Amino acid sequence: MSSTPKPGQAEGKWTFVTSHLVVLLCLAEDPTIRITDVAERAGITHRAVQGIVADLVNAGYVNRTRVGRRNQYQINPELPLRHLEVQHHRLGELLAALSPPSQQDLGRPNHVQENS
């Protein structure tokens, strides 16, 4: 007997996004987030998050700066995506597409016309 997944929970063992993307989204949303909090949100181990952050830093997608006892993360949105099929897109495009509306580019033109 199979159970019905809760809203927001994936059914089965696969998803459309990788753990690398989930970690990246967490860092983009909160540049001062703790690795422990990323692990909890991503549903992976603390050690896995550390490895993913190291991958992202080594590839240049993330800059990590020590501020006091915490790390601060800065995303490099200009780098291309890594897969051959989507390498013509930039990381910033993906993050913008997956960001909550309140975090999307506020400078985008408003398509509502005013009556004059």
PDB file of N, CA and C in Angstrom:
ATOM      1  N   MET A   1       0.847  -1.162   0.000  1.00  0.00           N
ATOM      2  CA  MET A   1       0.000   0.000   0.000  1.00  0.00           C
ATOM      3  C   MET A   1       0.903   1.239   0.000  1.00  0.00           C
ATOM      4  N   SER A   2       0.645   2.172  -0.932  1.00  0.00           N
ATOM      5  CA  SER A   2       1.461   3.379  -1.003  1.00  0.00           C
ATOM      6  C   SER A   2       0.740   4.529  -0.312  1.00  0.00           C
ATOM      7  N   SER A   3       1.527   5.384   0.296  1.00  0.00           N
ATOM      8  CA  SER A   3       0.929   6.539   0.972  1.00  0.00           C
ATOM      9  C   SER A   3       0.954   7.733   0.033  1.00  0.00           C
ATOM     10  N   THR A   4       0.013   8.619   0.233  1.00  0.00           N
ATOM     11  CA  THR A   4      -0.077   9.832  -0.568  1.00  0.00           C
ATOM     12  C   THR A   4       0.911  10.852  -0.022  1.00  0.00           C
ATOM     13  N   PRO A   5       1.737  11.463  -0.904  1.00  0.00           N
ATOM     14  CA  PRO A   5       2.702  12.443  -0.414  1.00  0.00           C
ATOM     15  C   PRO A   5       1.999  13.702   0.090  1.00  0.00           C
ATOM     16  N   LYS A   6       2.637  14.360   1.030  1.00  0.00           N
ATOM     17  CA  LYS A   6       2.127  15.634   1.538  1.00  0.00           C
ATOM     18  C   LYS A   6       2.366  16.703   0.483  1.00  0.00           C
ATOM     19  N   PRO A   7       1.602  17.802   0.517  1.00  0.00           N
ATOM     20  CA  PRO A   7       1.836  18.888  -0.441  1.00  0.00           C
ATOM     21  C   PRO A   7       3.284  19.355  -0.360  1.00  0.00           C
ATOM     22  N   GLY A   8       3.919  19.507  -1.517  1.00  0.00           N
ATOM     23  CA  GLY A   8       5.306  19.949  -1.554  1.00  0.00           C
ATOM     24  C   GLY A   8       6.306  18.818  -1.414  1.00  0.00           C
ATOM     25  N   GLN A   9       5.842  17.614  -1.122  1.00  0.00           N
ATOM     26  CA  GLN A   9       6.726  16.473  -0.954  1.00  0.00           C
ATOM     27  C   GLN A   9       6.731  15.665  -2.250  1.00  0.00           C
ATOM     28  N   ALA A  10       7.909  15.247  -2.682  1.00  0.00           N
ATOM     29  CA  ALA A  10       8.023  14.498  -3.926  1.00  0.00           C
ATOM     30  C   ALA A  10       7.494  13.080  -3.750  1.00  0.00           C
ATOM     31  N   GLU A  11       6.801  12.596  -4.773  1.00  0.00           N
ATOM     32  CA  GLU A  11       6.349  11.214  -4.785  1.00  0.00           C
ATOM     33  C   GLU A  11       7.423  10.392  -5.479  1.00  0.00           C
ATOM     34  N   GLY A  12       7.791   9.274  -4.913  1.00  0.00           N
ATOM     35  CA  GLY A  12       8.835   8.458  -5.510  1.00  0.00           C
ATOM     36  C   GLY A  12      10.210   8.913  -5.081  1.00  0.00           C
ATOM     37  N   LYS A  13      11.212   8.460  -5.808  1.00  0.00           N
ATOM     38  CA  LYS A  13      12.590   8.717  -5.395  1.00  0.00           C
ATOM     39  C   LYS A  13      13.332   9.730  -6.262  1.00  0.00           C
ATOM     40  N   TRP A  14      12.658  10.369  -7.225  1.00  0.00           N
ATOM     41  CA  TRP A  14      13.361  11.321  -8.067  1.00  0.00           C
ATOM     42  C   TRP A  14      12.708  12.695  -7.989  1.00  0.00           C
ATOM     43  N   THR A  15      13.494  13.716  -8.350  1.00  0.00           N
ATOM     44  CA  THR A  15      12.986  15.087  -8.416  1.00  0.00           C
ATOM     45  C   THR A  15      13.536  15.742  -9.677  1.00  0.00           C
ATOM     46  N   PHE A  16      13.035  16.918  -9.993  1.00  0.00           N
ATOM     47  CA  PHE A  16      13.514  17.655 -11.160  1.00  0.00           C
ATOM     48  C   PHE A  16      14.784  18.451 -10.874  1.00  0.00           C
ATOM     49  N   VAL A  17      15.127  18.610  -9.630  1.00  0.00           N
ATOM     50  CA  VAL A  17      16.316  19.401  -9.298  1.00  0.00           C
ATOM     51  C   VAL A  17      17.284  18.570  -8.474  1.00  0.00           C
ATOM     52  N   THR A  18      18.549  18.931  -8.557  1.00  0.00           N
ATOM     53  CA  THR A  18      19.582  18.231  -7.813  1.00  0.00           C
ATOM     54  C   THR A  18      19.797  18.899  -6.451  1.00  0.00           C
ATOM     55  N   SER A  19      20.510  18.218  -5.599  1.00  0.00           N
ATOM     56  CA  SER A  19      20.868  18.799  -4.305  1.00  0.00           C
ATOM     57  C   SER A  19      21.732  20.043  -4.493  1.00  0.00           C
ATOM     58  N   HIS A  20      22.548  20.070  -5.545  1.00  0.00           N
ATOM     59  CA  HIS A  20      23.367  21.258  -5.802  1.00  0.00           C
ATOM     60  C   HIS A  20      22.481  22.483  -6.024  1.00  0.00           C
ATOM     61  N   LEU A  21      21.417  22.321  -6.771  1.00  0.00           N
ATOM     62  CA  LEU A  21      20.516  23.452  -7.015  1.00  0.00           C
ATOM     63  C   LEU A  21      19.788  23.856  -5.741  1.00  0.00           C
ATOM     64  N   VAL A  22      19.343  22.912  -4.956  1.00  0.00           N
ATOM     65  CA  VAL A  22      18.638  23.235  -3.721  1.00  0.00           C
ATOM     66  C   VAL A  22      19.567  24.006  -2.780  1.00  0.00           C
ATOM     67  N   VAL A  23      20.811  23.563  -2.662  1.00  0.00           N
ATOM     68  CA  VAL A  23      21.782  24.270  -1.811  1.00  0.00           C
ATOM     69  C   VAL A  23      22.015  25.671  -2.365  1.00  0.00           C
ATOM     70  N   LEU A  24      22.175  25.793  -3.655  1.00  0.00           N
ATOM     71  CA  LEU A  24      22.391  27.093  -4.283  1.00  0.00           C
ATOM     72  C   LEU A  24      21.221  28.037  -4.035  1.00  0.00           C
ATOM     73  N   LEU A  25      20.008  27.525  -4.138  1.00  0.00           N
ATOM     74  CA  LEU A  25      18.826  28.342  -3.865  1.00  0.00           C
ATOM     75  C   LEU A  25      18.805  28.820  -2.415  1.00  0.00           C
ATOM     76  N   CYS A  26      19.186  27.952  -1.498  1.00  0.00           N
ATOM     77  CA  CYS A  26      19.241  28.349  -0.083  1.00  0.00           C
ATOM     78  C   CYS A  26      20.258  29.466   0.126  1.00  0.00           C
ATOM     79  N   LEU A  27      21.431  29.342  -0.491  1.00  0.00           N
ATOM     80  CA  LEU A  27      22.473  30.363  -0.348  1.00  0.00           C
ATOM     81  C   LEU A  27      22.051  31.672  -0.991  1.00  0.00           C
ATOM     82  N   ALA A  28      21.355  31.588  -2.114  1.00  0.00           N
ATOM     83  CA  ALA A  28      20.898  32.802  -2.798  1.00  0.00           C
ATOM     84  C   ALA A  28      19.820  33.511  -1.985  1.00  0.00           C
ATOM     85  N   GLU A  29      18.952  32.739  -1.349  1.00  0.00           N
ATOM     86  CA  GLU A  29      17.870  33.321  -0.566  1.00  0.00           C
ATOM     87  C   GLU A  29      18.373  33.956   0.721  1.00  0.00           C
ATOM     88  N   ASP A  30      19.371  33.326   1.348  1.00  0.00           N
ATOM     89  CA  ASP A  30      19.914  33.831   2.611  1.00  0.00           C
ATOM     90  C   ASP A  30      21.432  33.683   2.597  1.00  0.00           C
ATOM     91  N   PRO A  31      22.168  34.723   2.189  1.00  0.00           N
ATOM     92  CA  PRO A  31      23.624  34.635   2.069  1.00  0.00           C
ATOM     93  C   PRO A  31      24.369  34.353   3.369  1.00  0.00           C
ATOM     94  N   THR A  32      23.701  34.455   4.503  1.00  0.00           N
ATOM     95  CA  THR A  32      24.369  34.176   5.784  1.00  0.00           C
ATOM     96  C   THR A  32      23.838  32.897   6.439  1.00  0.00           C
ATOM     97  N   ILE A  33      23.120  32.072   5.682  1.00  0.00           N
ATOM     98  CA  ILE A  33      22.528  30.854   6.221  1.00  0.00           C
ATOM     99  C   ILE A  33      23.623  29.899   6.724  1.00  0.00           C
ATOM    100  N   ARG A  34      23.321  29.174   7.786  1.00  0.00           N
ATOM    101  CA  ARG A  34      24.259  28.192   8.334  1.00  0.00           C
ATOM    102  C   ARG A  34      24.133  26.882   7.557  1.00  0.00           C
ATOM    103  N   ILE A  35      25.234  26.177   7.428  1.00  0.00           N
ATOM    104  CA  ILE A  35      25.256  24.888   6.729  1.00  0.00           C
ATOM    105  C   ILE A  35      24.238  23.931   7.348  1.00  0.00           C
ATOM    106  N   THR A  36      24.109  23.955   8.651  1.00  0.00           N
ATOM    107  CA  THR A  36      23.142  23.096   9.341  1.00  0.00           C
ATOM    108  C   THR A  36      21.721  23.391   8.867  1.00  0.00           C
ATOM    109  N   ASP A  37      21.406  24.657   8.689  1.00  0.00           N
ATOM    110  CA  ASP A  37      20.070  25.036   8.228  1.00  0.00           C
ATOM    111  C   ASP A  37      19.848  24.637   6.769  1.00  0.00           C
ATOM    112  N   VAL A  38      20.891  24.759   5.955  1.00  0.00           N
ATOM    113  CA  VAL A  38      20.786  24.318   4.556  1.00  0.00           C
ATOM    114  C   VAL A  38      20.517  22.817   4.516  1.00  0.00           C
ATOM    115  N   ALA A  39      21.239  22.058   5.334  1.00  0.00           N
ATOM    116  CA  ALA A  39      21.070  20.604   5.367  1.00  0.00           C
ATOM    117  C   ALA A  39      19.644  20.227   5.736  1.00  0.00           C
ATOM    118  N   GLU A  40      19.097  20.916   6.721  1.00  0.00           N
ATOM    119  CA  GLU A  40      17.724  20.637   7.148  1.00  0.00           C
ATOM    120  C   GLU A  40      16.734  20.956   6.029  1.00  0.00           C
ATOM    121  N   ARG A  41      16.899  22.115   5.393  1.00  0.00           N
ATOM    122  CA  ARG A  41      15.979  22.505   4.322  1.00  0.00           C
ATOM    123  C   ARG A  41      16.097  21.606   3.099  1.00  0.00           C
ATOM    124  N   ALA A  42      17.326  21.179   2.787  1.00  0.00           N
ATOM    125  CA  ALA A  42      17.555  20.363   1.593  1.00  0.00           C
ATOM    126  C   ALA A  42      17.262  18.883   1.837  1.00  0.00           C
ATOM    127  N   GLY A  43      17.189  18.490   3.105  1.00  0.00           N
ATOM    128  CA  GLY A  43      16.940  17.090   3.420  1.00  0.00           C
ATOM    129  C   GLY A  43      18.146  16.198   3.162  1.00  0.00           C
ATOM    130  N   ILE A  44      19.340  16.774   3.311  1.00  0.00           N
ATOM    131  CA  ILE A  44      20.575  16.015   3.141  1.00  0.00           C
ATOM    132  C   ILE A  44      21.468  16.253   4.353  1.00  0.00           C
ATOM    133  N   THR A  45      22.573  15.534   4.422  1.00  0.00           N
ATOM    134  CA  THR A  45      23.438  15.639   5.594  1.00  0.00           C
ATOM    135  C   THR A  45      24.269  16.920   5.570  1.00  0.00           C
ATOM    136  N   HIS A  46      24.731  17.281   6.749  1.00  0.00           N
ATOM    137  CA  HIS A  46      25.624  18.427   6.924  1.00  0.00           C
ATOM    138  C   HIS A  46      26.865  18.240   6.055  1.00  0.00           C
ATOM    139  N   ARG A  47      27.422  17.036   6.077  1.00  0.00           N
ATOM    140  CA  ARG A  47      28.621  16.736   5.291  1.00  0.00           C
ATOM    141  C   ARG A  47      28.356  16.862   3.788  1.00  0.00           C
ATOM    142  N   ALA A  48      27.181  16.430   3.336  1.00  0.00           N
ATOM    143  CA  ALA A  48      26.829  16.553   1.923  1.00  0.00           C
ATOM    144  C   ALA A  48      26.751  18.019   1.517  1.00  0.00           C
ATOM    145  N   VAL A  49      26.168  18.855   2.368  1.00  0.00           N
ATOM    146  CA  VAL A  49      26.083  20.291   2.073  1.00  0.00           C
ATOM    147  C   VAL A  49      27.485  20.882   1.995  1.00  0.00           C
ATOM    148  N   GLN A  50      28.365  20.511   2.917  1.00  0.00           N
ATOM    149  CA  GLN A  50      29.739  21.018   2.880  1.00  0.00           C
ATOM    150  C   GLN A  50      30.417  20.670   1.556  1.00  0.00           C
ATOM    151  N   GLY A  51      30.207  19.451   1.081  1.00  0.00           N
ATOM    152  CA  GLY A  51      30.789  19.030  -0.192  1.00  0.00           C
ATOM    153  C   GLY A  51      30.216  19.793  -1.363  1.00  0.00           C
ATOM    154  N   ILE A  52      28.910  20.012  -1.349  1.00  0.00           N
ATOM    155  CA  ILE A  52      28.255  20.754  -2.423  1.00  0.00           C
ATOM    156  C   ILE A  52      28.725  22.202  -2.438  1.00  0.00           C
ATOM    157  N   VAL A  53      28.800  22.826  -1.267  1.00  0.00           N
ATOM    158  CA  VAL A  53      29.290  24.213  -1.196  1.00  0.00           C
ATOM    159  C   VAL A  53      30.719  24.270  -1.718  1.00  0.00           C
ATOM    160  N   ALA A  54      31.542  23.297  -1.367  1.00  0.00           N
ATOM    161  CA  ALA A  54      32.919  23.256  -1.876  1.00  0.00           C
ATOM    162  C   ALA A  54      32.923  23.139  -3.405  1.00  0.00           C
ATOM    163  N   ASP A  55      32.054  22.283  -3.955  1.00  0.00           N
ATOM    164  CA  ASP A  55      31.938  22.163  -5.418  1.00  0.00           C
ATOM    165  C   ASP A  55      31.590  23.504  -6.042  1.00  0.00           C
ATOM    166  N   LEU A  56      30.593  24.184  -5.472  1.00  0.00           N
ATOM    167  CA  LEU A  56      30.115  25.460  -6.019  1.00  0.00           C
ATOM    168  C   LEU A  56      31.184  26.546  -5.913  1.00  0.00           C
ATOM    169  N   VAL A  57      31.920  26.559  -4.803  1.00  0.00           N
ATOM    170  CA  VAL A  57      33.004  27.534  -4.617  1.00  0.00           C
ATOM    171  C   VAL A  57      34.132  27.244  -5.601  1.00  0.00           C
ATOM    172  N   ASN A  58      34.537  25.980  -5.698  1.00  0.00           N
ATOM    173  CA  ASN A  58      35.644  25.606  -6.592  1.00  0.00           C
ATOM    174  C   ASN A  58      35.323  25.892  -8.056  1.00  0.00           C
ATOM    175  N   ALA A  59      34.059  25.782  -8.442  1.00  0.00           N
ATOM    176  CA  ALA A  59      33.650  26.043  -9.820  1.00  0.00           C
ATOM    177  C   ALA A  59      33.408  27.531 -10.084  1.00  0.00           C
ATOM    178  N   GLY A  60      33.448  28.363  -9.036  1.00  0.00           N
ATOM    179  CA  GLY A  60      33.275  29.805  -9.200  1.00  0.00           C
ATOM    180  C   GLY A  60      31.838  30.290  -9.148  1.00  0.00           C
ATOM    181  N   TYR A  61      30.889  29.391  -8.900  1.00  0.00           N
ATOM    182  CA  TYR A  61      29.482  29.794  -8.834  1.00  0.00           C
ATOM    183  C   TYR A  61      29.158  30.525  -7.534  1.00  0.00           C
ATOM    184  N   VAL A  62      29.938  30.269  -6.500  1.00  0.00           N
ATOM    185  CA  VAL A  62      29.715  30.883  -5.189  1.00  0.00           C
ATOM    186  C   VAL A  62      31.049  31.386  -4.650  1.00  0.00           C
ATOM    187  N   ASN A  63      31.033  32.581  -4.074  1.00  0.00           N
ATOM    188  CA  ASN A  63      32.172  33.103  -3.318  1.00  0.00           C
ATOM    189  C   ASN A  63      31.809  33.010  -1.848  1.00  0.00           C
ATOM    190  N   ARG A  64      32.747  32.501  -1.051  1.00  0.00           N
ATOM    191  CA  ARG A  64      32.521  32.341   0.389  1.00  0.00           C
ATOM    192  C   ARG A  64      33.486  33.268   1.107  1.00  0.00           C
ATOM    193  N   THR A  65      32.931  34.100   2.003  1.00  0.00           N
ATOM    194  CA  THR A  65      33.737  35.039   2.778  1.00  0.00           C
ATOM    195  C   THR A  65      33.444  34.816   4.251  1.00  0.00           C
ATOM    196  N   ARG A  66      34.486  34.765   5.038  1.00  0.00           N
ATOM    197  CA  ARG A  66      34.331  34.610   6.482  1.00  0.00           C
ATOM    198  C   ARG A  66      34.033  35.984   7.078  1.00  0.00           C
ATOM    199  N   VAL A  67      32.922  36.090   7.827  1.00  0.00           N
ATOM    200  CA  VAL A  67      32.547  37.329   8.508  1.00  0.00           C
ATOM    201  C   VAL A  67      32.345  36.964   9.974  1.00  0.00           C
ATOM    202  N   GLY A  68      33.343  37.290  10.784  1.00  0.00           N
ATOM    203  CA  GLY A  68      33.279  36.882  12.195  1.00  0.00           C
ATOM    204  C   GLY A  68      33.341  35.369  12.294  1.00  0.00           C
ATOM    205  N   ARG A  69      32.343  34.792  12.957  1.00  0.00           N
ATOM    206  CA  ARG A  69      32.297  33.341  13.124  1.00  0.00           C
ATOM    207  C   ARG A  69      31.440  32.658  12.063  1.00  0.00           C
ATOM    208  N   ARG A  70      30.891  33.428  11.142  1.00  0.00           N
ATOM    209  CA  ARG A  70      29.973  32.896  10.125  1.00  0.00           C
ATOM    210  C   ARG A  70      30.567  33.063   8.732  1.00  0.00           C
ATOM    211  N   ASN A  71      29.998  32.358   7.794  1.00  0.00           N
ATOM    212  CA  ASN A  71      30.334  32.535   6.380  1.00  0.00           C
ATOM    213  C   ASN A  71      29.239  33.352   5.717  1.00  0.00           C
ATOM    214  N   GLN A  72      29.637  34.102   4.725  1.00  0.00           N
ATOM    215  CA  GLN A  72      28.678  34.817   3.899  1.00  0.00           C
ATOM    216  C   GLN A  72      28.929  34.365   2.468  1.00  0.00           C
ATOM    217  N   TYR A  73      27.835  34.103   1.743  1.00  0.00           N
ATOM    218  CA  TYR A  73      27.933  33.552   0.402  1.00  0.00           C
ATOM    219  C   TYR A  73      27.419  34.557  -0.612  1.00  0.00           C
ATOM    220  N   GLN A  74      28.138  34.644  -1.738  1.00  0.00           N
ATOM    221  CA  GLN A  74      27.716  35.516  -2.829  1.00  0.00           C
ATOM    222  C   GLN A  74      27.695  34.671  -4.096  1.00  0.00           C
ATOM    223  N   ILE A  75      26.575  34.726  -4.799  1.00  0.00           N
ATOM    224  CA  ILE A  75      26.375  33.950  -6.015  1.00  0.00           C
ATOM    225  C   ILE A  75      26.922  34.732  -7.205  1.00  0.00           C
ATOM    226  N   ASN A  76      27.571  34.037  -8.134  1.00  0.00           N
ATOM    227  CA  ASN A  76      28.024  34.656  -9.376  1.00  0.00           C
ATOM    228  C   ASN A  76      26.989  34.344 -10.459  1.00  0.00           C
ATOM    229  N   PRO A  77      26.048  35.247 -10.719  1.00  0.00           N
ATOM    230  CA  PRO A  77      24.938  34.961 -11.635  1.00  0.00           C
ATOM    231  C   PRO A  77      25.324  34.953 -13.112  1.00  0.00           C
ATOM    232  N   GLU A  78      26.520  35.394 -13.443  1.00  0.00           N
ATOM    233  CA  GLU A  78      26.922  35.508 -14.847  1.00  0.00           C
ATOM    234  C   GLU A  78      27.505  34.228 -15.433  1.00  0.00           C
ATOM    235  N   LEU A  79      27.817  33.254 -14.593  1.00  0.00           N
ATOM    236  CA  LEU A  79      28.403  32.024 -15.126  1.00  0.00           C
ATOM    237  C   LEU A  79      27.347  31.200 -15.858  1.00  0.00           C
ATOM    238  N   PRO A  80      27.758  30.494 -16.909  1.00  0.00           N
ATOM    239  CA  PRO A  80      26.811  29.657 -17.649  1.00  0.00           C
ATOM    240  C   PRO A  80      26.458  28.406 -16.857  1.00  0.00           C
ATOM    241  N   LEU A  81      25.287  27.851 -17.148  1.00  0.00           N
ATOM    242  CA  LEU A  81      24.906  26.570 -16.553  1.00  0.00           C
ATOM    243  C   LEU A  81      25.829  25.496 -17.125  1.00  0.00           C
ATOM    244  N   ARG A  82      26.007  24.415 -16.388  1.00  0.00           N
ATOM    245  CA  ARG A  82      27.044  23.442 -16.721  1.00  0.00           C
ATOM    246  C   ARG A  82      26.641  22.389 -17.748  1.00  0.00           C
ATOM    247  N   HIS A  83      25.392  22.083 -17.904  1.00  0.00           N
ATOM    248  CA  HIS A  83      24.995  21.027 -18.829  1.00  0.00           C
ATOM    249  C   HIS A  83      25.033  21.542 -20.270  1.00  0.00           C
ATOM    250  N   LEU A  84      25.486  20.709 -21.190  1.00  0.00           N
ATOM    251  CA  LEU A  84      25.630  21.087 -22.589  1.00  0.00           C
ATOM    252  C   LEU A  84      24.332  21.645 -23.183  1.00  0.00           C
ATOM    253  N   GLU A  85      23.211  21.078 -22.814  1.00  0.00           N
ATOM    254  CA  GLU A  85      21.915  21.495 -23.373  1.00  0.00           C
ATOM    255  C   GLU A  85      21.464  22.881 -22.907  1.00  0.00           C
ATOM    256  N   VAL A  86      21.984  23.359 -21.793  1.00  0.00           N
ATOM    257  CA  VAL A  86      21.531  24.647 -21.247  1.00  0.00           C
ATOM    258  C   VAL A  86      22.679  25.614 -20.976  1.00  0.00           C
ATOM    259  N   GLN A  87      23.852  25.324 -21.495  1.00  0.00           N
ATOM    260  CA  GLN A  87      25.005  26.181 -21.203  1.00  0.00           C
ATOM    261  C   GLN A  87      24.905  27.581 -21.796  1.00  0.00           C
ATOM    262  N   HIS A  88      23.939  27.800 -22.687  1.00  0.00           N
ATOM    263  CA  HIS A  88      23.728  29.141 -23.236  1.00  0.00           C
ATOM    264  C   HIS A  88      22.952  30.032 -22.260  1.00  0.00           C
ATOM    265  N   HIS A  89      22.467  29.457 -21.166  1.00  0.00           N
ATOM    266  CA  HIS A  89      21.782  30.225 -20.125  1.00  0.00           C
ATOM    267  C   HIS A  89      22.747  30.520 -18.982  1.00  0.00           C
ATOM    268  N   ARG A  90      22.490  31.598 -18.287  1.00  0.00           N
ATOM    269  CA  ARG A  90      23.315  32.005 -17.139  1.00  0.00           C
ATOM    270  C   ARG A  90      22.641  31.576 -15.842  1.00  0.00           C
ATOM    271  N   LEU A  91      23.443  31.399 -14.808  1.00  0.00           N
ATOM    272  CA  LEU A  91      22.937  30.993 -13.505  1.00  0.00           C
ATOM    273  C   LEU A  91      21.889  31.966 -12.996  1.00  0.00           C
ATOM    274  N   GLY A  92      22.097  33.249 -13.211  1.00  0.00           N
ATOM    275  CA  GLY A  92      21.138  34.260 -12.760  1.00  0.00           C
ATOM    276  C   GLY A  92      19.753  34.066 -13.350  1.00  0.00           C
ATOM    277  N   GLU A  93      19.673  33.586 -14.580  1.00  0.00           N
ATOM    278  CA  GLU A  93      18.382  33.320 -15.207  1.00  0.00           C
ATOM    279  C   GLU A  93      17.641  32.214 -14.462  1.00  0.00           C
ATOM    280  N   LEU A  94      18.360  31.160 -14.127  1.00  0.00           N
ATOM    281  CA  LEU A  94      17.755  30.036 -13.405  1.00  0.00           C
ATOM    282  C   LEU A  94      17.293  30.472 -12.020  1.00  0.00           C
ATOM    283  N   LEU A  95      18.134  31.210 -11.322  1.00  0.00           N
ATOM    284  CA  LEU A  95      17.761  31.672  -9.983  1.00  0.00           C
ATOM    285  C   LEU A  95      16.554  32.597 -10.040  1.00  0.00           C
ATOM    286  N   ALA A  96      16.502  33.476 -11.038  1.00  0.00           N
ATOM    287  CA  ALA A  96      15.364  34.386 -11.168  1.00  0.00           C
ATOM    288  C   ALA A  96      14.087  33.611 -11.445  1.00  0.00           C
ATOM    289  N   ALA A  97      14.184  32.581 -12.261  1.00  0.00           N
ATOM    290  CA  ALA A  97      12.999  31.788 -12.598  1.00  0.00           C
ATOM    291  C   ALA A  97      12.473  31.016 -11.400  1.00  0.00           C
ATOM    292  N   LEU A  98      13.350  30.633 -10.488  1.00  0.00           N
ATOM    293  CA  LEU A  98      12.954  29.816  -9.344  1.00  0.00           C
ATOM    294  C   LEU A  98      12.781  30.602  -8.053  1.00  0.00           C
ATOM    295  N   SER A  99      13.031  31.907  -8.089  1.00  0.00           N
ATOM    296  CA  SER A  99      12.893  32.739  -6.892  1.00  0.00           C
ATOM    297  C   SER A  99      11.433  33.080  -6.641  1.00  0.00           C
ATOM    298  N   PRO A 100      11.083  33.251  -5.370  1.00  0.00           N
ATOM    299  CA  PRO A 100       9.724  33.731  -5.074  1.00  0.00           C
ATOM    300  C   PRO A 100       9.516  35.096  -5.719  1.00  0.00           C
ATOM    301  N   PRO A 101       8.277  35.433  -6.101  1.00  0.00           N
ATOM    302  CA  PRO A 101       8.014  36.710  -6.778  1.00  0.00           C
ATOM    303  C   PRO A 101       8.561  37.921  -6.038  1.00  0.00           C
ATOM    304  N   SER A 102       8.574  37.909  -4.719  1.00  0.00           N
ATOM    305  CA  SER A 102       9.057  39.055  -3.956  1.00  0.00           C
ATOM    306  C   SER A 102      10.554  39.263  -4.125  1.00  0.00           C
ATOM    307  N   GLN A 103      11.294  38.226  -4.577  1.00  0.00           N
ATOM    308  CA  GLN A 103      12.737  38.349  -4.733  1.00  0.00           C
ATOM    309  C   GLN A 103      13.146  38.529  -6.187  1.00  0.00           C
ATOM    310  N   GLN A 104      12.193  38.470  -7.116  1.00  0.00           N
ATOM    311  CA  GLN A 104      12.537  38.635  -8.517  1.00  0.00           C
ATOM    312  C   GLN A 104      12.859  40.084  -8.808  1.00  0.00           C
ATOM    313  N   ASP A 105      13.463  40.311  -9.944  1.00  0.00           N
ATOM    314  CA  ASP A 105      13.914  41.635 -10.339  1.00  0.00           C
ATOM    315  C   ASP A 105      12.785  42.655 -10.262  1.00  0.00           C
ATOM    316  N   LEU A 106      12.909  43.589  -9.331  1.00  0.00           N
ATOM    317  CA  LEU A 106      11.892  44.616  -9.164  1.00  0.00           C
ATOM    318  C   LEU A 106      11.990  45.685 -10.249  1.00  0.00           C
ATOM    319  N   GLY A 107      13.073  45.698 -11.019  1.00  0.00           N
ATOM    320  CA  GLY A 107      13.239  46.680 -12.074  1.00  0.00           C
ATOM    321  C   GLY A 107      12.621  46.264 -13.389  1.00  0.00           C
ATOM    322  N   ARG A 108      11.994  45.104 -13.413  1.00  0.00           N
ATOM    323  CA  ARG A 108      11.383  44.634 -14.648  1.00  0.00           C
ATOM    324  C   ARG A 108      10.219  45.543 -15.019  1.00  0.00           C
ATOM    325  N   PRO A 109      10.038  45.844 -16.314  1.00  0.00           N
ATOM    326  CA  PRO A 109       8.962  46.750 -16.728  1.00  0.00           C
ATOM    327  C   PRO A 109       7.593  46.227 -16.312  1.00  0.00           C
ATOM    328  N   ASN A 110       6.744  47.129 -15.919  1.00  0.00           N
ATOM    329  CA  ASN A 110       5.379  46.783 -15.537  1.00  0.00           C
ATOM    330  C   ASN A 110       4.527  46.768 -16.808  1.00  0.00           C
ATOM    331  N   HIS A 111       3.818  45.668 -17.059  1.00  0.00           N
ATOM    332  CA  HIS A 111       3.045  45.546 -18.276  1.00  0.00           C
ATOM    333  C   HIS A 111       1.613  46.049 -18.118  1.00  0.00           C
ATOM    334  N   VAL A 112       1.316  46.653 -16.984  1.00  0.00           N
ATOM    335  CA  VAL A 112      -0.031  47.217 -16.787  1.00  0.00           C
ATOM    336  C   VAL A 112      -0.010  48.634 -17.315  1.00  0.00           C
ATOM    337  N   GLN A 113      -0.920  48.936 -18.242  1.00  0.00           N
ATOM    338  CA  GLN A 113      -0.965  50.270 -18.818  1.00  0.00           C
ATOM    339  C   GLN A 113      -1.933  51.143 -18.037  1.00  0.00           C
ATOM    340  N   GLU A 114      -1.524  52.386 -17.829  1.00  0.00           N
ATOM    341  CA  GLU A 114      -2.396  53.338 -17.145  1.00  0.00           C
ATOM    342  C   GLU A 114      -3.253  54.049 -18.175  1.00  0.00           C
ATOM    343  N   ASN A 115      -4.488  54.342 -17.817  1.00  0.00           N
ATOM    344  CA  ASN A 115      -5.350  55.129 -18.705  1.00  0.00           C
ATOM    345  C   ASN A 115      -4.984  56.593 -18.580  1.00  0.00           C
ATOM    346  N   SER A 116      -4.855  57.286 -19.735  1.00  0.00           N
ATOM    347  CA  SER A 116      -4.514  58.704 -19.646  1.00  0.00           C
ATOM    348  C   SER A 116      -5.674  59.579 -19.989  1.00  0.00           C
TER     349      SER A 116
END
